[in-house]
Amino acid sequence: LTELAGANPRSSFVRLNLGLAQFWRREDEAALASWRR
């Protein structure tokens, strides 16, 4: 998913899902940053 986000840096869909994965891994600050982006 991180690789996909790097390959699609302007995709809100990818960033939303990356943020969800980060949230469930308890990486709260990273999740918030992904959702903001």
PDB file of all heavy atoms in Angstrom:
ATOM      1  N   LEU A   1       0.830  -1.198   0.000  1.00  0.00           N
ATOM      2  CA  LEU A   1       0.000   0.000   0.000  1.00  0.00           C
ATOM      3  C   LEU A   1       0.870   1.256   0.000  1.00  0.00           C
ATOM      4  O   LEU A   1       0.570   2.229  -0.696  1.00  0.00           O
ATOM      5  CB  LEU A   1      -0.942  -0.002   1.206  1.00  0.00           C
ATOM      6  CG  LEU A   1      -2.045   1.025   1.231  1.00  0.00           C
ATOM      7  CD1 LEU A   1      -2.863   1.018  -0.055  1.00  0.00           C
ATOM      8  CD2 LEU A   1      -2.968   0.758   2.405  1.00  0.00           C
ATOM      9  N   THR A   2       1.963   1.224   0.735  1.00  0.00           N
ATOM     10  CA  THR A   2       2.906   2.340   0.729  1.00  0.00           C
ATOM     11  C   THR A   2       3.524   2.500  -0.656  1.00  0.00           C
ATOM     12  O   THR A   2       3.683   3.625  -1.152  1.00  0.00           O
ATOM     13  CB  THR A   2       4.002   2.115   1.789  1.00  0.00           C
ATOM     14  OG1 THR A   2       3.373   1.930   3.065  1.00  0.00           O
ATOM     15  CG2 THR A   2       4.962   3.287   1.862  1.00  0.00           C
ATOM     16  N   GLU A   3       3.843   1.394  -1.293  1.00  0.00           N
ATOM     17  CA  GLU A   3       4.382   1.422  -2.651  1.00  0.00           C
ATOM     18  C   GLU A   3       3.345   1.991  -3.629  1.00  0.00           C
ATOM     19  O   GLU A   3       3.670   2.798  -4.498  1.00  0.00           O
ATOM     20  CB  GLU A   3       4.770   0.013  -3.069  1.00  0.00           C
ATOM     21  CG  GLU A   3       5.358  -0.097  -4.450  1.00  0.00           C
ATOM     22  CD  GLU A   3       5.689  -1.537  -4.802  1.00  0.00           C
ATOM     23  OE1 GLU A   3       6.044  -2.318  -3.900  1.00  0.00           O
ATOM     24  OE2 GLU A   3       5.580  -1.869  -5.994  1.00  0.00           O
ATOM     25  N   LEU A   4       2.100   1.593  -3.461  1.00  0.00           N
ATOM     26  CA  LEU A   4       1.024   2.097  -4.302  1.00  0.00           C
ATOM     27  C   LEU A   4       0.848   3.609  -4.115  1.00  0.00           C
ATOM     28  O   LEU A   4       0.626   4.343  -5.080  1.00  0.00           O
ATOM     29  CB  LEU A   4      -0.268   1.363  -3.978  1.00  0.00           C
ATOM     30  CG  LEU A   4      -1.470   1.627  -4.863  1.00  0.00           C
ATOM     31  CD1 LEU A   4      -1.180   1.215  -6.296  1.00  0.00           C
ATOM     32  CD2 LEU A   4      -2.674   0.878  -4.335  1.00  0.00           C
ATOM     33  N   ALA A   5       0.965   4.074  -2.888  1.00  0.00           N
ATOM     34  CA  ALA A   5       0.861   5.512  -2.617  1.00  0.00           C
ATOM     35  C   ALA A   5       2.012   6.267  -3.286  1.00  0.00           C
ATOM     36  O   ALA A   5       1.809   7.372  -3.797  1.00  0.00           O
ATOM     37  CB  ALA A   5       0.863   5.764  -1.114  1.00  0.00           C
ATOM     38  N   GLY A   6       3.180   5.665  -3.311  1.00  0.00           N
ATOM     39  CA  GLY A   6       4.311   6.300  -3.990  1.00  0.00           C
ATOM     40  C   GLY A   6       4.125   6.352  -5.492  1.00  0.00           C
ATOM     41  O   GLY A   6       4.525   7.312  -6.148  1.00  0.00           O
ATOM     42  N   ALA A   7       3.494   5.333  -6.043  1.00  0.00           N
ATOM     43  CA  ALA A   7       3.260   5.278  -7.481  1.00  0.00           C
ATOM     44  C   ALA A   7       2.089   6.157  -7.912  1.00  0.00           C
ATOM     45  O   ALA A   7       1.982   6.517  -9.083  1.00  0.00           O
ATOM     46  CB  ALA A   7       3.011   3.834  -7.907  1.00  0.00           C
ATOM     47  N   ASN A   8       1.191   6.481  -6.975  1.00  0.00           N
ATOM     48  CA  ASN A   8       0.007   7.303  -7.263  1.00  0.00           C
ATOM     49  C   ASN A   8      -0.092   8.448  -6.260  1.00  0.00           C
ATOM     50  O   ASN A   8      -1.015   8.489  -5.447  1.00  0.00           O
ATOM     51  CB  ASN A   8      -1.258   6.436  -7.193  1.00  0.00           C
ATOM     52  CG  ASN A   8      -1.237   5.324  -8.194  1.00  0.00           C
ATOM     53  OD1 ASN A   8      -1.486   5.543  -9.363  1.00  0.00           O
ATOM     54  ND2 ASN A   8      -0.911   4.123  -7.738  1.00  0.00           N
ATOM     55  N   PRO A   9       0.839   9.389  -6.319  1.00  0.00           N
ATOM     56  CA  PRO A   9       0.895  10.425  -5.287  1.00  0.00           C
ATOM     57  C   PRO A   9      -0.282  11.398  -5.284  1.00  0.00           C
ATOM     58  O   PRO A   9      -0.478  12.110  -4.317  1.00  0.00           O
ATOM     59  CB  PRO A   9       2.203  11.157  -5.594  1.00  0.00           C
ATOM     60  CG  PRO A   9       2.427  10.921  -7.044  1.00  0.00           C
ATOM     61  CD  PRO A   9       1.875   9.549  -7.321  1.00  0.00           C
ATOM     62  N   ARG A  10      -1.102  11.419  -6.338  1.00  0.00           N
ATOM     63  CA  ARG A  10      -2.219  12.359  -6.400  1.00  0.00           C
ATOM     64  C   ARG A  10      -3.568  11.667  -6.259  1.00  0.00           C
ATOM     65  O   ARG A  10      -4.599  12.224  -6.608  1.00  0.00           O
ATOM     66  CB  ARG A  10      -2.166  13.150  -7.697  1.00  0.00           C
ATOM     67  CG  ARG A  10      -0.840  13.892  -7.834  1.00  0.00           C
ATOM     68  CD  ARG A  10      -0.876  15.238  -8.479  1.00  0.00           C
ATOM     69  NE  ARG A  10      -2.052  16.037  -8.325  1.00  0.00           N
ATOM     70  CZ  ARG A  10      -2.250  16.951  -7.377  1.00  0.00           C
ATOM     71  NH1 ARG A  10      -1.346  17.140  -6.438  1.00  0.00           N
ATOM     72  NH2 ARG A  10      -3.349  17.668  -7.354  1.00  0.00           N
ATOM     73  N   SER A  11      -3.579  10.452  -5.718  1.00  0.00           N
ATOM     74  CA  SER A  11      -4.811   9.694  -5.574  1.00  0.00           C
ATOM     75  C   SER A  11      -5.367   9.784  -4.155  1.00  0.00           C
ATOM     76  O   SER A  11      -4.757   9.281  -3.199  1.00  0.00           O
ATOM     77  CB  SER A  11      -4.560   8.223  -5.931  1.00  0.00           C
ATOM     78  OG  SER A  11      -5.704   7.451  -5.624  1.00  0.00           O
ATOM     79  N   SER A  12      -6.536  10.388  -4.029  1.00  0.00           N
ATOM     80  CA  SER A  12      -7.192  10.455  -2.717  1.00  0.00           C
ATOM     81  C   SER A  12      -7.616   9.069  -2.250  1.00  0.00           C
ATOM     82  O   SER A  12      -7.584   8.769  -1.061  1.00  0.00           O
ATOM     83  CB  SER A  12      -8.418  11.367  -2.780  1.00  0.00           C
ATOM     84  OG  SER A  12      -8.030  12.697  -2.872  1.00  0.00           O
ATOM     85  N   PHE A  13      -8.010   8.225  -3.185  1.00  0.00           N
ATOM     86  CA  PHE A  13      -8.427   6.863  -2.847  1.00  0.00           C
ATOM     87  C   PHE A  13      -7.299   6.093  -2.171  1.00  0.00           C
ATOM     88  O   PHE A  13      -7.491   5.466  -1.129  1.00  0.00           O
ATOM     89  CB  PHE A  13      -8.886   6.135  -4.114  1.00  0.00           C
ATOM     90  CG  PHE A  13      -9.322   4.726  -3.871  1.00  0.00           C
ATOM     91  CD1 PHE A  13     -10.556   4.458  -3.287  1.00  0.00           C
ATOM     92  CD2 PHE A  13      -8.506   3.655  -4.212  1.00  0.00           C
ATOM     93  CE1 PHE A  13     -10.966   3.158  -3.063  1.00  0.00           C
ATOM     94  CE2 PHE A  13      -8.914   2.357  -3.985  1.00  0.00           C
ATOM     95  CZ  PHE A  13     -10.141   2.101  -3.406  1.00  0.00           C
ATOM     96  N   VAL A  14      -6.104   6.182  -2.737  1.00  0.00           N
ATOM     97  CA  VAL A  14      -4.952   5.478  -2.166  1.00  0.00           C
ATOM     98  C   VAL A  14      -4.600   6.064  -0.803  1.00  0.00           C
ATOM     99  O   VAL A  14      -4.349   5.331   0.156  1.00  0.00           O
ATOM    100  CB  VAL A  14      -3.744   5.522  -3.125  1.00  0.00           C
ATOM    101  CG1 VAL A  14      -2.505   4.955  -2.464  1.00  0.00           C
ATOM    102  CG2 VAL A  14      -4.060   4.767  -4.409  1.00  0.00           C
ATOM    103  N   ARG A  15      -4.615   7.388  -0.689  1.00  0.00           N
ATOM    104  CA  ARG A  15      -4.268   8.031   0.591  1.00  0.00           C
ATOM    105  C   ARG A  15      -5.287   7.706   1.681  1.00  0.00           C
ATOM    106  O   ARG A  15      -4.917   7.506   2.839  1.00  0.00           O
ATOM    107  CB  ARG A  15      -4.163   9.549   0.424  1.00  0.00           C
ATOM    108  CG  ARG A  15      -3.010   9.968  -0.424  1.00  0.00           C
ATOM    109  CD  ARG A  15      -1.718   9.681   0.273  1.00  0.00           C
ATOM    110  NE  ARG A  15      -0.622   9.827  -0.672  1.00  0.00           N
ATOM    111  CZ  ARG A  15       0.638   9.690  -0.344  1.00  0.00           C
ATOM    112  NH1 ARG A  15       0.977   9.401   0.878  1.00  0.00           N
ATOM    113  NH2 ARG A  15       1.570   9.822  -1.248  1.00  0.00           N
ATOM    114  N   LEU A  16      -6.567   7.657   1.317  1.00  0.00           N
ATOM    115  CA  LEU A  16      -7.592   7.278   2.288  1.00  0.00           C
ATOM    116  C   LEU A  16      -7.320   5.884   2.834  1.00  0.00           C
ATOM    117  O   LEU A  16      -7.315   5.657   4.052  1.00  0.00           O
ATOM    118  CB  LEU A  16      -8.979   7.321   1.645  1.00  0.00           C
ATOM    119  CG  LEU A  16     -10.118   6.711   2.470  1.00  0.00           C
ATOM    120  CD1 LEU A  16     -10.371   7.525   3.727  1.00  0.00           C
ATOM    121  CD2 LEU A  16     -11.368   6.587   1.625  1.00  0.00           C
ATOM    122  N   ASN A  17      -7.063   4.950   1.953  1.00  0.00           N
ATOM    123  CA  ASN A  17      -6.839   3.569   2.379  1.00  0.00           C
ATOM    124  C   ASN A  17      -5.515   3.385   3.100  1.00  0.00           C
ATOM    125  O   ASN A  17      -5.425   2.585   4.035  1.00  0.00           O
ATOM    126  CB  ASN A  17      -6.964   2.636   1.177  1.00  0.00           C
ATOM    127  CG  ASN A  17      -8.414   2.499   0.771  1.00  0.00           C
ATOM    128  OD1 ASN A  17      -9.200   1.900   1.487  1.00  0.00           O
ATOM    129  ND2 ASN A  17      -8.782   3.103  -0.337  1.00  0.00           N
ATOM    130  N   LEU A  18      -4.506   4.135   2.707  1.00  0.00           N
ATOM    131  CA  LEU A  18      -3.245   4.107   3.446  1.00  0.00           C
ATOM    132  C   LEU A  18      -3.483   4.607   4.873  1.00  0.00           C
ATOM    133  O   LEU A  18      -3.002   4.011   5.836  1.00  0.00           O
ATOM    134  CB  LEU A  18      -2.194   4.972   2.750  1.00  0.00           C
ATOM    135  CG  LEU A  18      -0.841   5.081   3.445  1.00  0.00           C
ATOM    136  CD1 LEU A  18      -0.185   3.720   3.599  1.00  0.00           C
ATOM    137  CD2 LEU A  18       0.068   6.036   2.686  1.00  0.00           C
ATOM    138  N   GLY A  19      -4.260   5.669   5.011  1.00  0.00           N
ATOM    139  CA  GLY A  19      -4.591   6.192   6.336  1.00  0.00           C
ATOM    140  C   GLY A  19      -5.354   5.183   7.181  1.00  0.00           C
ATOM    141  O   GLY A  19      -5.111   5.054   8.389  1.00  0.00           O
ATOM    142  N   LEU A  20      -6.265   4.438   6.564  1.00  0.00           N
ATOM    143  CA  LEU A  20      -6.997   3.404   7.308  1.00  0.00           C
ATOM    144  C   LEU A  20      -6.052   2.311   7.805  1.00  0.00           C
ATOM    145  O   LEU A  20      -6.150   1.861   8.949  1.00  0.00           O
ATOM    146  CB  LEU A  20      -8.097   2.805   6.432  1.00  0.00           C
ATOM    147  CG  LEU A  20      -9.275   3.740   6.156  1.00  0.00           C
ATOM    148  CD1 LEU A  20     -10.186   3.139   5.089  1.00  0.00           C
ATOM    149  CD2 LEU A  20     -10.054   4.023   7.425  1.00  0.00           C
ATOM    150  N   ALA A  21      -5.131   1.897   6.945  1.00  0.00           N
ATOM    151  CA  ALA A  21      -4.156   0.884   7.352  1.00  0.00           C
ATOM    152  C   ALA A  21      -3.279   1.409   8.496  1.00  0.00           C
ATOM    153  O   ALA A  21      -3.013   0.689   9.472  1.00  0.00           O
ATOM    154  CB  ALA A  21      -3.297   0.464   6.157  1.00  0.00           C
ATOM    155  N   GLN A  22      -2.862   2.641   8.385  1.00  0.00           N
ATOM    156  CA  GLN A  22      -2.034   3.236   9.437  1.00  0.00           C
ATOM    157  C   GLN A  22      -2.816   3.359  10.743  1.00  0.00           C
ATOM    158  O   GLN A  22      -2.273   3.113  11.824  1.00  0.00           O
ATOM    159  CB  GLN A  22      -1.531   4.608   8.979  1.00  0.00           C
ATOM    160  CG  GLN A  22      -0.538   4.519   7.847  1.00  0.00           C
ATOM    161  CD  GLN A  22      -0.314   5.840   7.153  1.00  0.00           C
ATOM    162  OE1 GLN A  22      -1.204   6.667   7.051  1.00  0.00           O
ATOM    163  NE2 GLN A  22       0.903   6.020   6.646  1.00  0.00           N
ATOM    164  N   PHE A  23      -4.084   3.729  10.638  1.00  0.00           N
ATOM    165  CA  PHE A  23      -4.919   3.835  11.831  1.00  0.00           C
ATOM    166  C   PHE A  23      -5.007   2.493  12.566  1.00  0.00           C
ATOM    167  O   PHE A  23      -4.856   2.438  13.783  1.00  0.00           O
ATOM    168  CB  PHE A  23      -6.317   4.328  11.434  1.00  0.00           C
ATOM    169  CG  PHE A  23      -7.293   4.330  12.566  1.00  0.00           C
ATOM    170  CD1 PHE A  23      -7.293   5.363  13.482  1.00  0.00           C
ATOM    171  CD2 PHE A  23      -8.210   3.306  12.726  1.00  0.00           C
ATOM    172  CE1 PHE A  23      -8.201   5.381  14.530  1.00  0.00           C
ATOM    173  CE2 PHE A  23      -9.122   3.312  13.766  1.00  0.00           C
ATOM    174  CZ  PHE A  23      -9.111   4.355  14.679  1.00  0.00           C
ATOM    175  N   TRP A  24      -5.237   1.427  11.826  1.00  0.00           N
ATOM    176  CA  TRP A  24      -5.364   0.112  12.452  1.00  0.00           C
ATOM    177  C   TRP A  24      -4.040  -0.425  12.978  1.00  0.00           C
ATOM    178  O   TRP A  24      -4.021  -1.294  13.838  1.00  0.00           O
ATOM    179  CB  TRP A  24      -6.025  -0.875  11.494  1.00  0.00           C
ATOM    180  CG  TRP A  24      -7.479  -0.549  11.359  1.00  0.00           C
ATOM    181  CD1 TRP A  24      -8.103  -0.031  10.277  1.00  0.00           C
ATOM    182  CD2 TRP A  24      -8.480  -0.667  12.378  1.00  0.00           C
ATOM    183  NE1 TRP A  24      -9.442   0.186  10.559  1.00  0.00           N
ATOM    184  CE2 TRP A  24      -9.698  -0.194  11.834  1.00  0.00           C
ATOM    185  CE3 TRP A  24      -8.476  -1.106  13.697  1.00  0.00           C
ATOM    186  CZ2 TRP A  24     -10.888  -0.161  12.560  1.00  0.00           C
ATOM    187  CZ3 TRP A  24      -9.656  -1.074  14.411  1.00  0.00           C
ATOM    188  CH2 TRP A  24     -10.848  -0.611  13.843  1.00  0.00           C
ATOM    189  N   ARG A  25      -2.936   0.126  12.472  1.00  0.00           N
ATOM    190  CA  ARG A  25      -1.622  -0.226  13.022  1.00  0.00           C
ATOM    191  C   ARG A  25      -1.248   0.691  14.184  1.00  0.00           C
ATOM    192  O   ARG A  25      -0.131   0.627  14.693  1.00  0.00           O
ATOM    193  CB  ARG A  25      -0.562  -0.142  11.934  1.00  0.00           C
ATOM    194  CG  ARG A  25      -0.691  -1.247  10.899  1.00  0.00           C
ATOM    195  CD  ARG A  25       0.341  -1.069   9.823  1.00  0.00           C
ATOM    196  NE  ARG A  25       1.671  -1.093  10.393  1.00  0.00           N
ATOM    197  CZ  ARG A  25       2.594  -1.985  10.093  1.00  0.00           C
ATOM    198  NH1 ARG A  25       2.334  -2.916   9.209  1.00  0.00           N
ATOM    199  NH2 ARG A  25       3.782  -1.937  10.653  1.00  0.00           N
ATOM    200  N   ARG A  26      -2.178   1.558  14.576  1.00  0.00           N
ATOM    201  CA  ARG A  26      -2.001   2.523  15.663  1.00  0.00           C
ATOM    202  C   ARG A  26      -0.932   3.568  15.363  1.00  0.00           C
ATOM    203  O   ARG A  26      -0.258   4.073  16.255  1.00  0.00           O
ATOM    204  CB  ARG A  26      -1.722   1.825  16.988  1.00  0.00           C
ATOM    205  CG  ARG A  26      -2.837   0.883  17.392  1.00  0.00           C
ATOM    206  CD  ARG A  26      -2.751   0.533  18.849  1.00  0.00           C
ATOM    207  NE  ARG A  26      -3.690  -0.494  19.236  1.00  0.00           N
ATOM    208  CZ  ARG A  26      -4.968  -0.293  19.516  1.00  0.00           C
ATOM    209  NH1 ARG A  26      -5.476   0.904  19.398  1.00  0.00           N
ATOM    210  NH2 ARG A  26      -5.747  -1.293  19.876  1.00  0.00           N
ATOM    211  N   GLU A  27      -0.785   3.898  14.082  1.00  0.00           N
ATOM    212  CA  GLU A  27       0.103   4.970  13.645  1.00  0.00           C
ATOM    213  C   GLU A  27      -0.768   6.210  13.415  1.00  0.00           C
ATOM    214  O   GLU A  27      -0.981   6.645  12.282  1.00  0.00           O
ATOM    215  CB  GLU A  27       0.835   4.553  12.373  1.00  0.00           C
ATOM    216  CG  GLU A  27       1.710   3.332  12.555  1.00  0.00           C
ATOM    217  CD  GLU A  27       2.260   2.780  11.258  1.00  0.00           C
ATOM    218  OE1 GLU A  27       2.060   3.391  10.179  1.00  0.00           O
ATOM    219  OE2 GLU A  27       2.891   1.720  11.308  1.00  0.00           O
ATOM    220  N   ASP A  28      -1.278   6.754  14.518  1.00  0.00           N
ATOM    221  CA  ASP A  28      -2.298   7.794  14.450  1.00  0.00           C
ATOM    222  C   ASP A  28      -1.857   9.051  13.703  1.00  0.00           C
ATOM    223  O   ASP A  28      -2.613   9.584  12.886  1.00  0.00           O
ATOM    224  CB  ASP A  28      -2.778   8.163  15.849  1.00  0.00           C
ATOM    225  CG  ASP A  28      -3.476   6.999  16.544  1.00  0.00           C
ATOM    226  OD1 ASP A  28      -3.966   6.099  15.838  1.00  0.00           O
ATOM    227  OD2 ASP A  28      -3.522   7.002  17.781  1.00  0.00           O
ATOM    228  N   GLU A  29      -0.669   9.548  13.975  1.00  0.00           N
ATOM    229  CA  GLU A  29      -0.209  10.767  13.306  1.00  0.00           C
ATOM    230  C   GLU A  29      -0.055  10.548  11.806  1.00  0.00           C
ATOM    231  O   GLU A  29      -0.406  11.420  11.004  1.00  0.00           O
ATOM    232  CB  GLU A  29       1.105  11.255  13.921  1.00  0.00           C
ATOM    233  CG  GLU A  29       0.951  11.785  15.333  1.00  0.00           C
ATOM    234  CD  GLU A  29      -0.035  12.941  15.417  1.00  0.00           C
ATOM    235  OE1 GLU A  29      -0.014  13.834  14.546  1.00  0.00           O
ATOM    236  OE2 GLU A  29      -0.848  12.947  16.354  1.00  0.00           O
ATOM    237  N   ALA A  30       0.454   9.397  11.421  1.00  0.00           N
ATOM    238  CA  ALA A  30       0.597   9.086   9.993  1.00  0.00           C
ATOM    239  C   ALA A  30      -0.774   8.966   9.330  1.00  0.00           C
ATOM    240  O   ALA A  30      -0.966   9.414   8.194  1.00  0.00           O
ATOM    241  CB  ALA A  30       1.400   7.803   9.808  1.00  0.00           C
ATOM    242  N   ALA A  31      -1.733   8.360  10.020  1.00  0.00           N
ATOM    243  CA  ALA A  31      -3.086   8.227   9.485  1.00  0.00           C
ATOM    244  C   ALA A  31      -3.712   9.594   9.267  1.00  0.00           C
ATOM    245  O   ALA A  31      -4.298   9.861   8.206  1.00  0.00           O
ATOM    246  CB  ALA A  31      -3.944   7.378  10.420  1.00  0.00           C
ATOM    247  N   LEU A  32      -3.593  10.478  10.255  1.00  0.00           N
ATOM    248  CA  LEU A  32      -4.143  11.827  10.117  1.00  0.00           C
ATOM    249  C   LEU A  32      -3.509  12.562   8.946  1.00  0.00           C
ATOM    250  O   LEU A  32      -4.199  13.244   8.177  1.00  0.00           O
ATOM    251  CB  LEU A  32      -3.951  12.616  11.414  1.00  0.00           C
ATOM    252  CG  LEU A  32      -4.782  12.146  12.607  1.00  0.00           C
ATOM    253  CD1 LEU A  32      -4.349  12.895  13.866  1.00  0.00           C
ATOM    254  CD2 LEU A  32      -6.263  12.339  12.342  1.00  0.00           C
ATOM    255  N   ALA A  33      -2.204  12.411   8.776  1.00  0.00           N
ATOM    256  CA  ALA A  33      -1.516  13.070   7.661  1.00  0.00           C
ATOM    257  C   ALA A  33      -2.003  12.516   6.320  1.00  0.00           C
ATOM    258  O   ALA A  33      -2.206  13.280   5.370  1.00  0.00           O
ATOM    259  CB  ALA A  33      -0.009  12.881   7.800  1.00  0.00           C
ATOM    260  N   SER A  34      -2.215  11.223   6.241  1.00  0.00           N
ATOM    261  CA  SER A  34      -2.710  10.617   4.998  1.00  0.00           C
ATOM    262  C   SER A  34      -4.114  11.092   4.679  1.00  0.00           C
ATOM    263  O   SER A  34      -4.443  11.394   3.530  1.00  0.00           O
ATOM    264  CB  SER A  34      -2.685   9.087   5.098  1.00  0.00           C
ATOM    265  OG  SER A  34      -1.366   8.617   5.137  1.00  0.00           O
ATOM    266  N   TRP A  35      -4.969  11.192   5.683  1.00  0.00           N
ATOM    267  CA  TRP A  35      -6.343  11.657   5.462  1.00  0.00           C
ATOM    268  C   TRP A  35      -6.364  13.127   5.081  1.00  0.00           C
ATOM    269  O   TRP A  35      -7.151  13.533   4.220  1.00  0.00           O
ATOM    270  CB  TRP A  35      -7.200  11.398   6.688  1.00  0.00           C
ATOM    271  CG  TRP A  35      -7.409   9.938   6.951  1.00  0.00           C
ATOM    272  CD1 TRP A  35      -7.374   8.920   6.026  1.00  0.00           C
ATOM    273  CD2 TRP A  35      -7.675   9.329   8.199  1.00  0.00           C
ATOM    274  NE1 TRP A  35      -7.599   7.716   6.638  1.00  0.00           N
ATOM    275  CE2 TRP A  35      -7.794   7.940   7.976  1.00  0.00           C
ATOM    276  CE3 TRP A  35      -7.824   9.808   9.488  1.00  0.00           C
ATOM    277  CZ2 TRP A  35      -8.064   7.038   8.997  1.00  0.00           C
ATOM    278  CZ3 TRP A  35      -8.087   8.908  10.513  1.00  0.00           C
ATOM    279  CH2 TRP A  35      -8.209   7.533  10.257  1.00  0.00           C
ATOM    280  N   ARG A  36      -5.502  13.931   5.689  1.00  0.00           N
ATOM    281  CA  ARG A  36      -5.431  15.349   5.310  1.00  0.00           C
ATOM    282  C   ARG A  36      -5.011  15.485   3.844  1.00  0.00           C
ATOM    283  O   ARG A  36      -5.545  16.303   3.101  1.00  0.00           O
ATOM    284  CB  ARG A  36      -4.447  16.095   6.209  1.00  0.00           C
ATOM    285  CG  ARG A  36      -4.983  16.399   7.571  1.00  0.00           C
ATOM    286  CD  ARG A  36      -4.021  17.292   8.368  1.00  0.00           C
ATOM    287  NE  ARG A  36      -4.356  17.206   9.760  1.00  0.00           N
ATOM    288  CZ  ARG A  36      -3.647  16.551  10.684  1.00  0.00           C
ATOM    289  NH1 ARG A  36      -2.519  15.953  10.358  1.00  0.00           N
ATOM    290  NH2 ARG A  36      -4.042  16.505  11.935  1.00  0.00           N
ATOM    291  N   ARG A  37      -4.057  14.666   3.460  1.00  0.00           N
ATOM    292  CA  ARG A  37      -3.586  14.718   2.070  1.00  0.00           C
ATOM    293  C   ARG A  37      -4.672  14.244   1.113  1.00  0.00           C
ATOM    294  O   ARG A  37      -4.865  14.823   0.051  1.00  0.00           O
ATOM    295  CB  ARG A  37      -2.338  13.870   1.924  1.00  0.00           C
ATOM    296  CG  ARG A  37      -1.738  13.985   0.564  1.00  0.00           C
ATOM    297  CD  ARG A  37      -0.252  13.960   0.598  1.00  0.00           C
ATOM    298  NE  ARG A  37       0.244  14.221  -0.730  1.00  0.00           N
ATOM    299  CZ  ARG A  37       1.352  13.748  -1.196  1.00  0.00           C
ATOM    300  NH1 ARG A  37       2.110  13.001  -0.426  1.00  0.00           N
ATOM    301  NH2 ARG A  37       1.734  14.027  -2.416  1.00  0.00           N
TER     302      ARG A  37
END
